[in-house]
């Protein structure tokens, strides 16, 4: 697939890195020669220096042959205009990165489609919504809903009080197939143990500090988490440190349901927050001063969210919050490598906007009819929702005879309004939406199967 990426900053570079590793034909455009030189020396990509909103630059990138154009510069206007030009010049699909939430309204989709933009993404909004979901399900560290919650992917850490410790998967989740291929109400799909990710088997023992991922129906999440021995807490008070756009987007989602306190250093940023928020308490103060955070009620908080621009500050402050008895901590990190250490160091969830944006974009890259795609914090794997569009061996044989790679499994199936956690006797039909968990080495084979 030929993909043109405008913007070699954090998101553009990360996407180029992921896509070039999959042998995609990548052209990276940026006005900064230094970042292009860095990309060219580290990635297998072609680079072009120039403005992506320039007709001449897009022609040099052979935009007419591009399957996909991604406008992910830091300039919203540039991304929108570049995507419009790219579409008019023959690009297959176009995606533009934006920050203005007005552009993301459902009623605006047709307007942008008429202009030539197939999809708009906002890393800020995507990350804020993920934080909101994590707070709504405060006992879990990861949650992703497929088809508006018909099936949910959930992650939780097994602490020293967990009822699952030193028991096998079969003991904890006995299979209860009912003759038509449906399995029980919860299906474990992966375990992160240290830095190793593996698919669990019936005889796999669960250990302290394991991070367990499972698929279930949304209304059954609480039941499974109760089984694990996770105590439910009432969330009332939320503290956010950092007053940038990410904090604003998050507070806007939270303030009508929770008591939100925001601590920010900059006086002008505080004024802006006060003007744009309605129910949140904004405090001007040095969020690196942990004594100040304690004076402002840190120990009475149910959730602590660190959204400053400094990764180390976010991590350290979250650890201080944990030490003060805060039940749930969420920290924003810029370095993707940090996402592998959250459970090991005691922070519940590390958020990375680049990864979240990449997940949203990757469904346009994957072969086959991809409905949704996500990755898990710290886990080198993907969860992909494929649509079965035609009758072939997928629909003619039970799952056991499809010969999926050992490092991939069918986590669940959505058929119309019905969601099913399936066993190996299940047989797919046209129109089924199939949720697959796959480690990196199996992605190509899985794509081929559903292509």
Protein backbone atom coordinates (compact mmCIF):
# COMPACT_ATOMS: atom_id res chain seq x y z
CA UNK A 1 0.00 0.00 0.00
CA UNK A 2 1.31 3.45 -0.91
CA UNK A 3 0.81 5.86 1.99
CA UNK A 4 1.70 9.57 2.10
CA UNK A 5 2.10 11.07 5.57
CA UNK A 6 2.19 14.84 6.02
CA UNK A 7 3.95 15.69 9.25
CA UNK A 8 7.05 13.99 10.68
CA UNK A 9 6.37 14.97 14.28
CA UNK A 10 5.47 12.56 17.08
CA UNK A 11 2.37 11.06 15.49
CA UNK A 12 3.64 11.11 11.90
CA UNK A 13 6.98 9.53 12.83
CA UNK A 14 5.30 6.87 14.96
CA UNK A 15 2.90 5.96 12.17
CA UNK A 16 5.71 5.87 9.65
CA UNK A 17 7.70 3.59 11.95
CA UNK A 18 4.82 1.16 12.39
CA UNK A 19 3.84 1.15 8.73
CA UNK A 20 7.36 0.90 7.31
CA UNK A 21 8.00 -2.08 9.60
CA UNK A 22 5.12 -3.77 7.76
CA UNK A 23 6.79 -3.08 4.39
CA UNK A 24 4.28 -0.41 3.38
CA UNK A 25 5.45 2.13 0.76
CA UNK A 26 5.74 5.30 2.87
CA UNK A 27 6.42 8.88 1.79
CA UNK A 28 6.93 11.35 4.63
CA UNK A 29 6.46 15.11 4.04
CA UNK A 30 7.64 17.86 6.39
CA UNK A 31 9.06 21.37 6.21
CA UNK A 32 11.79 20.55 8.73
CA UNK A 33 14.79 18.90 7.07
CA UNK A 34 16.27 17.86 10.42
CA UNK A 35 13.31 15.67 11.39
CA UNK A 36 13.23 14.23 7.86
CA UNK A 37 16.93 13.34 8.07
CA UNK A 38 16.28 11.60 11.39
CA UNK A 39 13.35 9.66 9.92
CA UNK A 40 15.32 8.64 6.84
CA UNK A 41 18.24 7.40 8.95
CA UNK A 42 15.98 5.34 11.22
CA UNK A 43 13.15 4.19 8.96
CA UNK A 44 12.68 2.65 5.53
CA UNK A 45 10.79 5.64 4.11
CA UNK A 46 11.11 8.21 1.35
CA UNK A 47 11.11 11.84 2.52
CA UNK A 48 10.14 15.10 0.82
CA UNK A 49 10.85 18.52 2.25
CA UNK A 50 8.05 20.97 1.68
CA UNK A 51 4.54 22.09 2.55
CA UNK A 52 1.97 19.31 2.12
CA UNK A 53 -0.57 21.98 1.12
CA UNK A 54 1.52 22.63 -1.99
CA UNK A 55 0.35 21.14 -5.29
CA UNK A 56 3.95 20.75 -6.42
CA UNK A 57 4.94 18.86 -3.25
CA UNK A 58 1.96 16.52 -3.52
CA UNK A 59 2.81 15.83 -7.18
CA UNK A 60 6.38 14.96 -6.15
CA UNK A 61 4.88 12.53 -3.65
CA UNK A 62 2.86 10.97 -6.52
CA UNK A 63 -0.31 11.55 -4.56
CA UNK A 64 -2.44 10.28 -7.45
CA UNK A 65 -1.04 6.79 -6.81
CA UNK A 66 -1.51 6.92 -3.02
CA UNK A 67 -3.95 4.52 -1.40
CA UNK A 68 -3.99 6.65 1.74
CA UNK A 69 -3.09 10.24 2.69
CA UNK A 70 -2.60 11.15 6.36
CA UNK A 71 -2.47 14.81 7.35
CA UNK A 72 -1.03 14.75 10.88
CA UNK A 73 0.99 17.98 11.13
CA UNK A 74 0.53 20.24 14.14
CA UNK A 75 -1.49 22.64 11.96
CA UNK A 76 -5.18 21.74 11.81
CA UNK A 77 -5.78 24.01 8.82
CA UNK A 78 -2.86 22.54 6.93
CA UNK A 79 -4.09 19.00 7.55
CA UNK A 80 -7.60 19.79 6.32
CA UNK A 81 -6.46 21.66 3.23
CA UNK A 82 -3.81 19.06 2.37
CA UNK A 83 -6.35 16.25 2.66
CA UNK A 84 -8.78 18.09 0.37
CA UNK A 85 -6.05 18.63 -2.24
CA UNK A 86 -4.84 15.03 -1.93
CA UNK A 87 -8.34 13.69 -2.59
CA UNK A 88 -8.89 15.98 -5.58
CA UNK A 89 -5.55 14.85 -7.00
CA UNK A 90 -6.46 11.17 -6.81
CA UNK A 91 -5.58 9.81 -3.35
CA UNK A 92 -7.72 6.82 -2.39
CA UNK A 93 -8.55 7.72 1.20
CA UNK A 94 -7.75 10.83 3.20
CA UNK A 95 -7.51 11.38 6.96
CA UNK A 96 -6.85 14.69 8.70
CA UNK A 97 -5.78 15.33 12.28
CA UNK A 98 -7.79 18.08 13.99
CA UNK A 99 -8.16 19.57 17.47
CA UNK A 100 -11.43 21.53 17.15
CA UNK A 101 -14.18 19.33 18.63
CA UNK A 102 -16.78 21.08 16.45
CA UNK A 103 -15.30 19.36 13.40
CA UNK A 104 -15.89 15.94 14.97
CA UNK A 105 -19.66 16.36 15.34
CA UNK A 106 -21.65 13.63 13.60
CA UNK A 107 -23.58 16.14 11.51
CA UNK A 108 -20.32 17.52 10.07
CA UNK A 109 -19.17 14.21 8.57
CA UNK A 110 -21.05 14.68 5.30
CA UNK A 111 -19.72 18.22 4.92
CA UNK A 112 -16.11 17.07 5.19
CA UNK A 113 -16.80 14.03 3.00
CA UNK A 114 -18.10 16.34 0.27
CA UNK A 115 -14.87 18.31 0.53
CA UNK A 116 -12.88 15.10 0.10
CA UNK A 117 -11.91 14.14 3.66
CA UNK A 118 -12.89 10.57 4.54
CA UNK A 119 -12.13 10.77 8.25
CA UNK A 120 -11.09 13.24 10.93
CA UNK A 121 -9.17 12.18 14.02
CA UNK A 122 -8.34 14.08 17.18
CA UNK A 123 -5.67 12.42 19.34
CA UNK A 124 -6.74 14.69 22.21
CA UNK A 125 -10.38 13.67 22.00
CA UNK A 126 -9.57 10.00 21.54
CA UNK A 127 -7.30 10.01 24.62
CA UNK A 128 -9.82 11.98 26.70
CA UNK A 129 -12.57 9.51 25.85
CA UNK A 130 -10.31 6.62 26.83
CA UNK A 131 -9.66 8.28 30.20
CA UNK A 132 -13.41 8.75 30.66
CA UNK A 133 -14.05 5.05 29.95
CA UNK A 134 -11.34 4.05 32.41
CA UNK A 135 -12.89 6.14 35.17
CA UNK A 136 -16.38 4.78 34.49
CA UNK A 137 -14.87 1.31 35.00
CA UNK A 138 -12.49 2.32 37.76
CA UNK A 139 -11.41 -1.18 38.75
CA UNK A 140 -9.92 -2.01 35.33
CA UNK A 141 -6.80 -0.69 33.63
CA UNK A 142 -7.96 -1.06 30.03
CA UNK A 143 -11.37 -1.05 28.38
CA UNK A 144 -12.37 -0.95 24.72
CA UNK A 145 -15.94 -1.34 23.49
CA UNK A 146 -16.74 -3.00 20.17
CA UNK A 147 -20.03 -2.03 18.51
CA UNK A 148 -21.04 0.34 21.30
CA UNK A 149 -20.40 -2.21 24.02
CA UNK A 150 -21.95 -5.36 22.54
CA UNK A 151 -18.57 -6.88 23.39
CA UNK A 152 -15.93 -5.26 25.62
CA UNK A 153 -12.22 -5.88 25.91
CA UNK A 154 -11.06 -5.44 29.51
CA UNK A 155 -7.74 -5.57 31.34
CA UNK A 156 -7.09 -5.87 35.08
CA UNK A 157 -4.13 -6.43 37.35
CA UNK A 158 -4.14 -9.42 39.68
CA UNK A 159 -2.97 -8.00 43.01
CA UNK A 160 -2.18 -9.95 46.16
CA UNK A 161 -5.88 -10.00 47.14
CA UNK A 162 -7.14 -11.46 43.87
CA UNK A 163 -9.31 -14.56 43.98
CA UNK A 164 -7.64 -15.76 40.76
CA UNK A 165 -4.13 -16.21 42.17
CA UNK A 166 -2.47 -19.61 41.80
CA UNK A 167 -5.48 -21.01 39.97
CA UNK A 168 -5.61 -22.21 36.38
CA UNK A 169 -7.62 -20.58 33.62
CA UNK A 170 -9.85 -23.67 33.56
CA UNK A 171 -10.55 -23.33 37.30
CA UNK A 172 -11.39 -19.64 37.07
CA UNK A 173 -13.23 -19.63 33.74
CA UNK A 174 -14.70 -23.10 33.17
CA UNK A 175 -15.82 -23.47 29.55
CA UNK A 176 -19.58 -23.79 29.27
CA UNK A 177 -20.24 -24.46 25.60
CA UNK A 178 -23.93 -24.88 24.92
CA UNK A 179 -23.86 -26.90 21.72
CA UNK A 180 -23.97 -24.04 19.19
CA UNK A 181 -20.41 -22.89 19.70
CA UNK A 182 -21.07 -20.26 22.35
CA UNK A 183 -18.63 -20.21 25.26
CA UNK A 184 -19.09 -18.82 28.76
CA UNK A 185 -19.64 -15.19 29.74
CA UNK A 186 -15.93 -14.31 29.87
CA UNK A 187 -13.09 -15.34 27.59
CA UNK A 188 -9.45 -14.71 28.64
CA UNK A 189 -7.41 -13.71 25.59
CA UNK A 190 -3.99 -12.60 26.86
CA UNK A 191 -1.71 -12.34 29.87
CA UNK A 192 1.04 -9.76 30.29
CA UNK A 193 3.59 -11.10 32.76
CA UNK A 194 6.51 -8.73 33.20
CA UNK A 195 7.30 -7.73 29.61
CA UNK A 196 6.09 -10.99 28.08
CA UNK A 197 2.71 -11.32 26.38
CA UNK A 198 1.23 -14.77 25.76
CA UNK A 199 -2.10 -16.41 25.02
CA UNK A 200 -3.48 -18.28 28.03
CA UNK A 201 -4.34 -21.99 27.89
CA UNK A 202 -6.64 -23.99 30.15
CA UNK A 203 -3.70 -25.15 32.26
CA UNK A 204 -2.07 -21.70 32.59
CA UNK A 205 -1.66 -20.67 36.24
CA UNK A 206 -2.45 -17.06 37.13
CA UNK A 207 0.20 -15.29 39.20
CA UNK A 208 0.38 -12.17 41.33
CA UNK A 209 0.93 -9.00 39.23
CA UNK A 210 -0.23 -10.75 36.07
CA UNK A 211 -2.17 -8.42 33.83
CA UNK A 212 -5.15 -10.37 32.51
CA UNK A 213 -7.09 -9.33 29.41
CA UNK A 214 -10.49 -10.79 28.65
CA UNK A 215 -13.51 -10.35 26.40
CA UNK A 216 -16.99 -10.13 27.88
CA UNK A 217 -20.32 -8.41 27.38
CA UNK A 218 -20.48 -4.90 28.77
CA UNK A 219 -23.15 -5.65 31.37
CA UNK A 220 -21.05 -8.56 32.66
CA UNK A 221 -17.83 -6.64 33.31
CA UNK A 222 -18.68 -5.93 36.93
CA UNK A 223 -19.46 -9.59 37.57
CA UNK A 224 -16.09 -10.74 36.24
CA UNK A 225 -14.20 -8.04 38.13
CA UNK A 226 -16.10 -9.03 41.30
CA UNK A 227 -14.98 -12.62 40.72
CA UNK A 228 -11.40 -11.38 40.65
CA UNK A 229 -11.87 -9.82 44.09
CA UNK A 230 -11.53 -6.20 43.01
CA UNK A 231 -13.27 -3.94 45.50
CA UNK A 232 -15.67 -1.44 43.95
CA UNK A 233 -15.22 2.19 44.91
CA UNK A 234 -17.50 5.15 44.43
CA UNK A 235 -15.76 7.75 42.28
CA UNK A 236 -16.48 11.32 43.35
CA UNK A 237 -13.26 13.35 43.37
CA UNK A 238 -10.80 13.62 40.47
CA UNK A 239 -7.56 15.61 40.40
CA UNK A 240 -5.89 16.53 37.11
CA UNK A 241 -2.43 18.09 36.98
CA UNK A 242 -1.52 20.04 33.85
CA UNK A 243 -3.74 22.60 32.18
CA UNK A 244 -3.16 22.07 28.46
CA UNK A 245 -5.59 20.99 25.76
CA UNK A 246 -5.53 17.40 26.93
CA UNK A 247 -6.56 18.41 30.44
CA UNK A 248 -9.29 20.66 29.07
CA UNK A 249 -10.75 17.92 26.84
CA UNK A 250 -10.68 15.45 29.73
CA UNK A 251 -12.24 17.86 32.23
CA UNK A 252 -15.03 18.71 29.78
CA UNK A 253 -16.01 15.03 29.69
CA UNK A 254 -15.74 14.55 33.46
CA UNK A 255 -16.97 17.70 35.18
CA UNK A 256 -20.71 17.04 34.92
CA UNK A 257 -20.34 13.70 36.73
CA UNK A 258 -17.40 14.20 39.12
CA UNK A 259 -15.80 16.85 41.33
CA UNK A 260 -12.84 17.85 39.17
CA UNK A 261 -9.82 19.77 40.50
CA UNK A 262 -7.17 20.98 38.05
CA UNK A 263 -3.71 22.15 39.14
CA UNK A 264 -1.76 24.20 36.56
CA UNK A 265 1.32 26.42 36.81
CA UNK A 266 0.59 28.97 34.12
CA UNK A 267 -1.67 31.90 35.03
CA UNK A 268 -3.01 32.42 31.49
CA UNK A 269 -3.74 28.71 31.08
CA UNK A 270 -5.70 28.82 34.34
CA UNK A 271 -7.75 31.75 33.08
CA UNK A 272 -8.55 29.88 29.89
CA UNK A 273 -9.64 26.79 31.85
CA UNK A 274 -11.89 28.87 34.09
CA UNK A 275 -13.53 30.50 31.06
CA UNK A 276 -14.17 27.23 29.23
CA UNK A 277 -15.13 24.93 32.11
CA UNK A 278 -18.31 25.22 34.17
CA UNK A 279 -18.00 23.06 37.29
CA UNK A 280 -14.28 22.37 37.70
CA UNK A 281 -12.07 23.90 40.40
CA UNK A 282 -8.92 25.41 38.83
CA UNK A 283 -5.91 26.03 41.09
CA UNK A 284 -2.83 27.94 39.98
CA UNK A 285 0.17 26.22 41.51
CA UNK A 286 3.32 24.21 40.87
CA UNK A 287 2.17 20.64 40.22
CA UNK A 288 5.75 19.39 40.74
CA UNK A 289 5.41 20.49 44.39
CA UNK A 290 3.90 17.34 45.89
CA UNK A 291 3.32 19.07 49.23
CA UNK A 292 1.06 21.53 47.41
CA UNK A 293 -0.90 18.65 45.86
CA UNK A 294 -1.37 17.17 49.30
CA UNK A 295 -2.54 20.54 50.65
CA UNK A 296 -5.08 20.72 47.83
CA UNK A 297 -6.61 17.41 48.87
CA UNK A 298 -4.62 14.74 47.06
CA UNK A 299 -5.30 12.11 49.74
CA UNK A 300 -9.07 12.62 49.37
CA UNK A 301 -9.05 12.00 45.64
CA UNK A 302 -10.48 8.83 44.09
CA UNK A 303 -8.70 9.32 40.76
CA UNK A 304 -5.46 11.13 39.89
CA UNK A 305 -4.75 12.02 36.24
CA UNK A 306 -1.33 13.41 35.29
CA UNK A 307 -1.49 15.27 31.95
CA UNK A 308 1.47 17.64 32.06
CA UNK A 309 3.83 17.85 29.11
CA UNK A 310 6.56 16.08 31.07
CA UNK A 311 6.46 12.28 31.18
CA UNK A 312 8.68 11.94 34.24
CA UNK A 313 6.56 14.43 36.19
CA UNK A 314 3.44 12.49 35.27
CA UNK A 315 4.90 9.17 36.38
CA UNK A 316 6.41 10.44 39.64
CA UNK A 317 3.30 12.38 40.65
CA UNK A 318 1.12 9.34 39.95
CA UNK A 319 3.34 7.22 42.19
CA UNK A 320 3.05 9.87 44.93
CA UNK A 321 -0.73 9.80 44.49
CA UNK A 322 -0.75 6.01 44.85
CA UNK A 323 1.32 6.33 48.00
CA UNK A 324 -1.27 8.80 49.36
CA UNK A 325 -4.02 6.23 48.92
CA UNK A 326 -5.55 7.37 45.63
CA UNK A 327 -7.41 4.38 44.19
CA UNK A 328 -6.78 4.93 40.48
CA UNK A 329 -3.93 6.68 38.70
CA UNK A 330 -3.63 7.54 35.00
CA UNK A 331 -0.54 9.19 33.51
CA UNK A 332 0.15 10.57 30.06
CA UNK A 333 3.50 9.56 28.58
CA UNK A 334 5.20 10.67 25.39
CA UNK A 335 7.69 7.82 25.07
CA UNK A 336 5.89 4.70 23.86
CA UNK A 337 8.42 2.48 25.60
CA UNK A 338 7.06 3.65 28.94
CA UNK A 339 3.71 1.98 28.23
CA UNK A 340 5.34 -1.38 28.95
CA UNK A 341 6.13 -0.53 32.57
CA UNK A 342 2.88 0.84 34.01
CA UNK A 343 1.71 -2.29 35.81
CA UNK A 344 5.23 -3.13 36.96
CA UNK A 345 5.81 0.18 38.73
CA UNK A 346 2.37 0.60 40.28
CA UNK A 347 0.56 3.06 37.97
CA UNK A 348 -2.80 1.75 36.79
CA UNK A 349 -2.72 3.05 33.22
CA UNK A 350 -0.30 4.96 31.04
CA UNK A 351 -1.92 6.91 28.18
CA UNK A 352 -0.08 7.65 24.94
CA UNK A 353 -1.84 9.81 22.35
CA UNK A 354 0.34 8.52 19.51
CA UNK A 355 -0.65 4.91 20.14
CA UNK A 356 -4.32 5.79 20.45
CA UNK A 357 -4.26 7.78 17.21
CA UNK A 358 -2.35 5.01 15.44
CA UNK A 359 -4.96 2.45 16.52
CA UNK A 360 -7.67 4.63 15.03
CA UNK A 361 -5.80 5.04 11.75
CA UNK A 362 -4.60 1.45 11.38
CA UNK A 363 -8.01 0.12 10.42
CA UNK A 364 -7.59 1.98 7.12
CA UNK A 365 -4.32 0.14 6.52
CA UNK A 366 -5.21 -3.41 7.49
CA UNK A 367 -6.23 -5.77 4.70
CA UNK A 368 -9.75 -7.11 4.81
CA UNK A 369 -12.86 -5.26 5.98
CA UNK A 370 -11.72 -3.86 9.32
CA UNK A 371 -14.42 -2.35 11.53
CA UNK A 372 -12.25 -1.43 14.52
CA UNK A 373 -8.75 -1.96 15.86
CA UNK A 374 -7.05 -1.40 19.18
CA UNK A 375 -3.86 -2.27 21.02
CA UNK A 376 -3.39 -2.83 24.74
CA UNK A 377 -1.23 -0.75 27.05
CA UNK A 378 2.16 -2.40 27.25
CA UNK A 379 1.14 -5.35 25.09
CA UNK A 380 2.79 -6.00 21.74
CA UNK A 381 -0.38 -7.21 20.02
CA UNK A 382 -3.49 -6.02 18.21
CA UNK A 383 -7.19 -6.69 18.60
CA UNK A 384 -8.92 -6.35 15.23
CA UNK A 385 -12.61 -6.49 14.33
CA UNK A 386 -13.07 -7.98 10.84
CA UNK A 387 -16.29 -8.13 8.83
CA UNK A 388 -17.02 -11.38 6.98
CA UNK A 389 -18.15 -10.19 3.55
CA UNK A 390 -18.31 -13.30 1.39
CA UNK A 391 -18.79 -17.03 1.52
CA UNK A 392 -15.48 -18.87 1.59
CA UNK A 393 -13.71 -21.28 3.90
CA UNK A 394 -14.38 -18.87 6.79
CA UNK A 395 -18.09 -19.68 6.52
CA UNK A 396 -17.81 -23.34 5.52
CA UNK A 397 -15.79 -24.75 8.41
CA UNK A 398 -15.86 -24.47 12.20
CA UNK A 399 -13.17 -22.34 13.81
CA UNK A 400 -11.11 -25.39 14.78
CA UNK A 401 -10.59 -26.18 11.07
CA UNK A 402 -9.60 -22.68 9.95
CA UNK A 403 -6.02 -23.26 11.14
CA UNK A 404 -5.50 -19.89 12.79
CA UNK A 405 -1.89 -19.29 13.84
CA UNK A 406 -1.10 -20.39 17.41
CA UNK A 407 -0.44 -16.77 18.38
CA UNK A 408 -3.94 -15.62 17.35
CA UNK A 409 -7.43 -16.45 18.55
CA UNK A 410 -11.05 -15.55 17.87
CA UNK A 411 -12.12 -13.59 20.94
CA UNK A 412 -15.77 -13.01 20.06
CA UNK A 413 -18.34 -12.60 17.31
CA UNK A 414 -21.08 -10.01 16.82
CA UNK A 415 -23.98 -11.25 14.70
CA UNK A 416 -26.63 -8.61 14.21
CA UNK A 417 -27.70 -7.52 17.69
CA UNK A 418 -26.30 -10.66 19.31
CA UNK A 419 -22.79 -10.87 20.78
CA UNK A 420 -21.15 -14.24 21.34
CA UNK A 421 -18.01 -15.51 23.04
CA UNK A 422 -17.29 -18.54 20.92
CA UNK A 423 -15.48 -21.86 21.15
CA UNK A 424 -13.80 -23.94 18.46
CA UNK A 425 -17.08 -25.48 17.25
CA UNK A 426 -18.50 -22.12 16.18
CA UNK A 427 -19.04 -21.47 12.48
CA UNK A 428 -18.99 -17.99 10.98
CA UNK A 429 -21.59 -16.50 8.64
CA UNK A 430 -21.59 -13.65 6.13
CA UNK A 431 -22.14 -10.38 8.00
CA UNK A 432 -20.47 -11.58 11.21
CA UNK A 433 -18.08 -9.15 12.88
CA UNK A 434 -15.20 -11.21 14.21
CA UNK A 435 -12.90 -9.93 16.97
CA UNK A 436 -9.40 -11.38 16.68
CA UNK A 437 -6.56 -11.08 19.19
CA UNK A 438 -3.22 -11.51 17.45
CA UNK A 439 0.45 -11.19 18.32
CA UNK A 440 2.59 -9.38 15.70
CA UNK A 441 3.96 -12.49 14.01
CA UNK A 442 0.44 -13.70 13.16
CA UNK A 443 -1.06 -10.46 11.79
CA UNK A 444 -0.16 -11.22 8.16
CA UNK A 445 -1.73 -14.68 8.24
CA UNK A 446 -4.86 -13.38 9.95
CA UNK A 447 -5.24 -10.60 7.38
CA UNK A 448 -4.87 -13.12 4.57
CA UNK A 449 -7.57 -15.30 6.08
CA UNK A 450 -10.07 -12.44 6.26
CA UNK A 451 -9.02 -10.65 3.04
